Amino acid sequence: MHRGIHELSNRATTAYEAARARAAKFINARSADEIVFTRGTTEGITFANSWERKLKSGDVILLTEMEHHSNLVPWQLLAQRTARNSLRAVTGDEALLDRAS
């Protein structure tokens, strides 16, 4: 995602892409290109509905127990409609992602 030519724009782009790379590494994604961040529930729901035709066999939708119910349900329904896997990461007592799960 390119944000502009200003130095602060370049720094923001670099930080954003680094976060995608860290997230990809954390969940063992094939590429940072597979990582998509949304700003919140409404955008996530809209995004989920628009991706139904783009998901391929074997794609995984990664959700966490930390998600608000209104964000979980649309993704779970999408997974059911498309027969895709929906993986739910487990969080521990401190509400941190459990990497082993």
N, C-alpha and C. Protein backbone atom coordinates (compact mmCIF):
# COMPACT_ATOMS: atom_id res chain seq x y z
N MET A 1 0.86 -1.17 0.00
CA MET A 1 0.00 0.00 0.00
C MET A 1 0.90 1.23 0.00
N HIS A 2 0.85 1.99 -1.04
CA HIS A 2 1.66 3.20 -1.15
C HIS A 2 0.82 4.39 -0.72
N ARG A 3 1.34 5.19 0.21
CA ARG A 3 0.57 6.28 0.79
C ARG A 3 0.91 7.66 0.22
N GLY A 4 2.04 7.83 -0.43
CA GLY A 4 2.40 9.14 -0.97
C GLY A 4 3.90 9.29 -1.09
N ILE A 5 4.35 10.50 -1.45
CA ILE A 5 5.78 10.72 -1.66
C ILE A 5 6.46 11.42 -0.49
N HIS A 6 5.70 11.92 0.45
CA HIS A 6 6.26 12.60 1.61
C HIS A 6 7.00 11.59 2.49
N GLU A 7 8.03 12.03 3.19
CA GLU A 7 8.82 11.15 4.06
C GLU A 7 7.95 10.42 5.09
N LEU A 8 6.99 11.13 5.69
CA LEU A 8 6.10 10.47 6.66
C LEU A 8 5.24 9.40 5.99
N SER A 9 4.84 9.65 4.76
CA SER A 9 4.08 8.66 4.00
C SER A 9 4.93 7.42 3.76
N ASN A 10 6.18 7.64 3.41
CA ASN A 10 7.09 6.52 3.18
C ASN A 10 7.30 5.71 4.45
N ARG A 11 7.45 6.39 5.58
CA ARG A 11 7.62 5.68 6.86
C ARG A 11 6.36 4.88 7.21
N ALA A 12 5.20 5.48 6.98
CA ALA A 12 3.94 4.78 7.27
C ALA A 12 3.81 3.54 6.39
N THR A 13 4.15 3.65 5.12
CA THR A 13 4.08 2.51 4.21
C THR A 13 5.04 1.42 4.67
N THR A 14 6.25 1.80 5.03
CA THR A 14 7.24 0.82 5.49
C THR A 14 6.76 0.11 6.75
N ALA A 15 6.22 0.86 7.70
CA ALA A 15 5.73 0.27 8.95
C ALA A 15 4.54 -0.66 8.69
N TYR A 16 3.64 -0.25 7.81
CA TYR A 16 2.46 -1.06 7.47
C TYR A 16 2.89 -2.39 6.84
N GLU A 17 3.77 -2.31 5.88
CA GLU A 17 4.23 -3.53 5.20
C GLU A 17 5.03 -4.43 6.15
N ALA A 18 5.78 -3.84 7.07
CA ALA A 18 6.50 -4.63 8.06
C ALA A 18 5.53 -5.36 8.99
N ALA A 19 4.43 -4.71 9.35
CA ALA A 19 3.41 -5.34 10.19
C ALA A 19 2.76 -6.51 9.45
N ARG A 20 2.49 -6.34 8.18
CA ARG A 20 1.94 -7.44 7.38
C ARG A 20 2.91 -8.60 7.32
N ALA A 21 4.19 -8.30 7.16
CA ALA A 21 5.21 -9.36 7.11
C ALA A 21 5.30 -10.10 8.44
N ARG A 22 5.25 -9.35 9.56
CA ARG A 22 5.28 -9.99 10.88
C ARG A 22 4.06 -10.86 11.10
N ALA A 23 2.88 -10.36 10.69
CA ALA A 23 1.65 -11.15 10.83
C ALA A 23 1.73 -12.42 9.98
N ALA A 24 2.24 -12.30 8.78
CA ALA A 24 2.38 -13.47 7.90
C ALA A 24 3.31 -14.51 8.53
N LYS A 25 4.40 -14.04 9.07
CA LYS A 25 5.34 -14.96 9.72
C LYS A 25 4.70 -15.62 10.94
N PHE A 26 3.95 -14.84 11.71
CA PHE A 26 3.31 -15.33 12.93
C PHE A 26 2.33 -16.46 12.64
N ILE A 27 1.57 -16.35 11.55
CA ILE A 27 0.57 -17.38 11.24
C ILE A 27 1.05 -18.32 10.14
N ASN A 28 2.33 -18.23 9.77
CA ASN A 28 2.92 -19.10 8.74
C ASN A 28 2.22 -18.97 7.39
N ALA A 29 1.85 -17.75 7.04
CA ALA A 29 1.27 -17.50 5.72
C ALA A 29 2.36 -17.64 4.66
N ARG A 30 1.96 -17.96 3.46
CA ARG A 30 2.94 -18.09 2.37
C ARG A 30 3.57 -16.75 2.01
N SER A 31 2.80 -15.67 2.22
CA SER A 31 3.27 -14.35 1.79
C SER A 31 2.54 -13.27 2.59
N ALA A 32 3.18 -12.13 2.74
CA ALA A 32 2.52 -10.99 3.38
C ALA A 32 1.35 -10.49 2.53
N ASP A 33 1.34 -10.83 1.25
CA ASP A 33 0.23 -10.45 0.38
C ASP A 33 -1.08 -11.10 0.80
N GLU A 34 -1.01 -12.15 1.62
CA GLU A 34 -2.21 -12.84 2.09
C GLU A 34 -2.81 -12.17 3.32
N ILE A 35 -2.14 -11.16 3.86
CA ILE A 35 -2.57 -10.51 5.09
C ILE A 35 -3.34 -9.23 4.76
N VAL A 36 -4.54 -9.13 5.33
CA VAL A 36 -5.38 -7.95 5.11
C VAL A 36 -5.83 -7.44 6.47
N PHE A 37 -5.60 -6.18 6.74
CA PHE A 37 -6.08 -5.54 7.97
C PHE A 37 -7.31 -4.71 7.63
N THR A 38 -8.30 -4.72 8.52
CA THR A 38 -9.45 -3.83 8.37
C THR A 38 -9.49 -2.89 9.56
N ARG A 39 -10.18 -1.77 9.39
CA ARG A 39 -10.23 -0.75 10.45
C ARG A 39 -11.22 -1.08 11.55
N GLY A 40 -12.14 -1.97 11.29
CA GLY A 40 -13.12 -2.28 12.31
C GLY A 40 -14.16 -3.26 11.81
N THR A 41 -15.17 -3.48 12.62
CA THR A 41 -16.18 -4.48 12.33
C THR A 41 -16.92 -4.20 11.03
N THR A 42 -17.39 -2.99 10.84
CA THR A 42 -18.17 -2.68 9.64
C THR A 42 -17.36 -2.93 8.38
N GLU A 43 -16.14 -2.46 8.38
CA GLU A 43 -15.30 -2.68 7.20
C GLU A 43 -15.00 -4.17 7.04
N GLY A 44 -14.79 -4.88 8.15
CA GLY A 44 -14.53 -6.31 8.09
C GLY A 44 -15.70 -7.08 7.51
N ILE A 45 -16.92 -6.71 7.91
CA ILE A 45 -18.12 -7.37 7.39
C ILE A 45 -18.27 -7.11 5.89
N THR A 46 -18.11 -5.87 5.50
CA THR A 46 -18.19 -5.53 4.08
C THR A 46 -17.13 -6.28 3.29
N PHE A 47 -15.94 -6.31 3.83
CA PHE A 47 -14.82 -7.00 3.19
C PHE A 47 -15.12 -8.49 3.06
N ALA A 48 -15.63 -9.10 4.13
CA ALA A 48 -15.94 -10.54 4.12
C ALA A 48 -16.94 -10.85 3.03
N ASN A 49 -17.97 -10.04 2.92
CA ASN A 49 -18.99 -10.29 1.90
C ASN A 49 -18.46 -10.12 0.49
N SER A 50 -17.51 -9.24 0.30
CA SER A 50 -16.96 -9.02 -1.04
C SER A 50 -15.96 -10.10 -1.44
N TRP A 51 -15.48 -10.88 -0.48
CA TRP A 51 -14.44 -11.87 -0.77
C TRP A 51 -14.98 -13.25 -1.09
N GLU A 52 -16.26 -13.44 -1.03
CA GLU A 52 -16.82 -14.78 -1.23
C GLU A 52 -16.34 -15.42 -2.53
N ARG A 53 -16.32 -14.67 -3.61
CA ARG A 53 -15.91 -15.23 -4.90
C ARG A 53 -14.39 -15.32 -5.04
N LYS A 54 -13.64 -14.66 -4.17
CA LYS A 54 -12.19 -14.63 -4.30
C LYS A 54 -11.49 -15.75 -3.54
N LEU A 55 -12.18 -16.33 -2.55
CA LEU A 55 -11.57 -17.40 -1.77
C LEU A 55 -11.43 -18.66 -2.61
N LYS A 56 -10.31 -19.35 -2.41
CA LYS A 56 -10.04 -20.58 -3.14
C LYS A 56 -10.03 -21.75 -2.18
N SER A 57 -10.14 -22.93 -2.71
CA SER A 57 -10.08 -24.13 -1.89
C SER A 57 -8.78 -24.15 -1.10
N GLY A 58 -8.89 -24.43 0.18
CA GLY A 58 -7.72 -24.47 1.04
C GLY A 58 -7.42 -23.16 1.75
N ASP A 59 -8.08 -22.07 1.35
CA ASP A 59 -7.88 -20.79 2.03
C ASP A 59 -8.43 -20.90 3.46
N VAL A 60 -7.81 -20.20 4.36
CA VAL A 60 -8.22 -20.22 5.76
C VAL A 60 -8.55 -18.81 6.21
N ILE A 61 -9.65 -18.68 6.94
CA ILE A 61 -10.03 -17.41 7.54
C ILE A 61 -9.60 -17.48 8.99
N LEU A 62 -8.69 -16.63 9.39
CA LEU A 62 -8.16 -16.65 10.75
C LEU A 62 -8.92 -15.67 11.62
N LEU A 63 -9.52 -16.17 12.67
CA LEU A 63 -10.27 -15.35 13.63
C LEU A 63 -9.70 -15.59 15.02
N THR A 64 -9.92 -14.67 15.91
CA THR A 64 -9.49 -14.87 17.29
C THR A 64 -10.68 -14.75 18.22
N GLU A 65 -10.53 -15.27 19.41
CA GLU A 65 -11.56 -15.15 20.43
C GLU A 65 -11.70 -13.71 20.91
N MET A 66 -10.75 -12.86 20.54
CA MET A 66 -10.78 -11.46 20.96
C MET A 66 -11.70 -10.63 20.08
N GLU A 67 -12.16 -11.20 18.95
CA GLU A 67 -13.02 -10.47 18.04
C GLU A 67 -14.39 -10.25 18.67
N HIS A 68 -15.00 -9.14 18.34
CA HIS A 68 -16.37 -8.87 18.77
C HIS A 68 -17.29 -9.81 18.00
N HIS A 69 -18.34 -10.25 18.64
CA HIS A 69 -19.28 -11.19 18.03
C HIS A 69 -19.79 -10.70 16.67
N SER A 70 -20.02 -9.40 16.56
CA SER A 70 -20.53 -8.85 15.30
C SER A 70 -19.50 -8.96 14.17
N ASN A 71 -18.24 -9.17 14.51
CA ASN A 71 -17.21 -9.38 13.50
C ASN A 71 -17.01 -10.87 13.23
N LEU A 72 -17.23 -11.71 14.21
CA LEU A 72 -17.04 -13.15 14.04
C LEU A 72 -18.09 -13.77 13.12
N VAL A 73 -19.33 -13.46 13.35
CA VAL A 73 -20.43 -14.14 12.66
C VAL A 73 -20.36 -14.02 11.14
N PRO A 74 -20.15 -12.83 10.56
CA PRO A 74 -20.10 -12.76 9.09
C PRO A 74 -18.99 -13.62 8.49
N TRP A 75 -17.84 -13.66 9.16
CA TRP A 75 -16.74 -14.49 8.66
C TRP A 75 -17.07 -15.97 8.79
N GLN A 76 -17.70 -16.37 9.90
CA GLN A 76 -18.09 -17.76 10.07
C GLN A 76 -19.13 -18.18 9.04
N LEU A 77 -20.09 -17.30 8.77
CA LEU A 77 -21.10 -17.60 7.75
C LEU A 77 -20.47 -17.70 6.37
N LEU A 78 -19.52 -16.83 6.08
CA LEU A 78 -18.80 -16.89 4.81
C LEU A 78 -18.08 -18.23 4.68
N ALA A 79 -17.43 -18.66 5.75
CA ALA A 79 -16.73 -19.94 5.73
C ALA A 79 -17.70 -21.10 5.48
N GLN A 80 -18.87 -21.04 6.08
CA GLN A 80 -19.87 -22.08 5.88
C GLN A 80 -20.41 -22.08 4.45
N ARG A 81 -20.71 -20.89 3.92
CA ARG A 81 -21.27 -20.79 2.57
C ARG A 81 -20.30 -21.27 1.51
N THR A 82 -19.03 -21.05 1.73
CA THR A 82 -18.03 -21.37 0.72
C THR A 82 -17.29 -22.66 1.02
N ALA A 83 -17.67 -23.35 2.09
CA ALA A 83 -17.02 -24.60 2.49
C ALA A 83 -15.53 -24.40 2.71
N ARG A 84 -15.16 -23.23 3.20
CA ARG A 84 -13.77 -22.95 3.52
C ARG A 84 -13.54 -23.24 5.00
N ASN A 85 -12.30 -23.36 5.36
CA ASN A 85 -11.96 -23.58 6.76
C ASN A 85 -11.95 -22.26 7.51
N SER A 86 -12.46 -22.27 8.72
CA SER A 86 -12.41 -21.10 9.58
C SER A 86 -11.61 -21.49 10.80
N LEU A 87 -10.44 -20.94 10.95
CA LEU A 87 -9.56 -21.28 12.06
C LEU A 87 -9.70 -20.22 13.14
N ARG A 88 -9.89 -20.66 14.34
CA ARG A 88 -10.06 -19.74 15.46
C ARG A 88 -8.90 -19.91 16.42
N ALA A 89 -8.08 -18.91 16.55
CA ALA A 89 -6.93 -18.97 17.44
C ALA A 89 -7.39 -18.83 18.89
N VAL A 90 -6.79 -19.58 19.76
CA VAL A 90 -7.17 -19.58 21.18
C VAL A 90 -6.33 -18.54 21.92
N THR A 91 -6.97 -17.86 22.86
CA THR A 91 -6.25 -16.91 23.70
C THR A 91 -6.18 -17.45 25.11
N GLY A 92 -5.13 -17.10 25.80
CA GLY A 92 -4.96 -17.55 27.17
C GLY A 92 -5.62 -16.61 28.16
N ASP A 93 -5.33 -16.81 29.44
CA ASP A 93 -5.94 -16.01 30.50
C ASP A 93 -5.63 -14.52 30.38
N GLU A 94 -4.50 -14.19 29.76
CA GLU A 94 -4.09 -12.79 29.65
C GLU A 94 -4.58 -12.16 28.35
N ALA A 95 -5.47 -12.83 27.62
CA ALA A 95 -6.03 -12.35 26.36
C ALA A 95 -4.93 -12.11 25.32
N LEU A 96 -3.94 -12.98 25.30
CA LEU A 96 -2.88 -12.94 24.30
C LEU A 96 -3.04 -14.16 23.40
N LEU A 97 -2.66 -14.02 22.14
CA LEU A 97 -2.76 -15.16 21.23
C LEU A 97 -1.84 -16.28 21.70
N ASP A 98 -2.37 -17.48 21.66
CA ASP A 98 -1.61 -18.68 22.01
C ASP A 98 -1.01 -19.22 20.72
N ARG A 99 0.27 -19.02 20.51
CA ARG A 99 0.91 -19.41 19.25
C ARG A 99 0.85 -20.91 19.03
N ALA A 100 0.77 -21.69 20.09
CA ALA A 100 0.73 -23.15 19.95
C ALA A 100 -0.59 -23.64 19.39
N SER A 101 -1.65 -22.85 19.53
CA SER A 101 -2.95 -23.30 19.03
C SER A 101 -3.06 -22.97 17.57
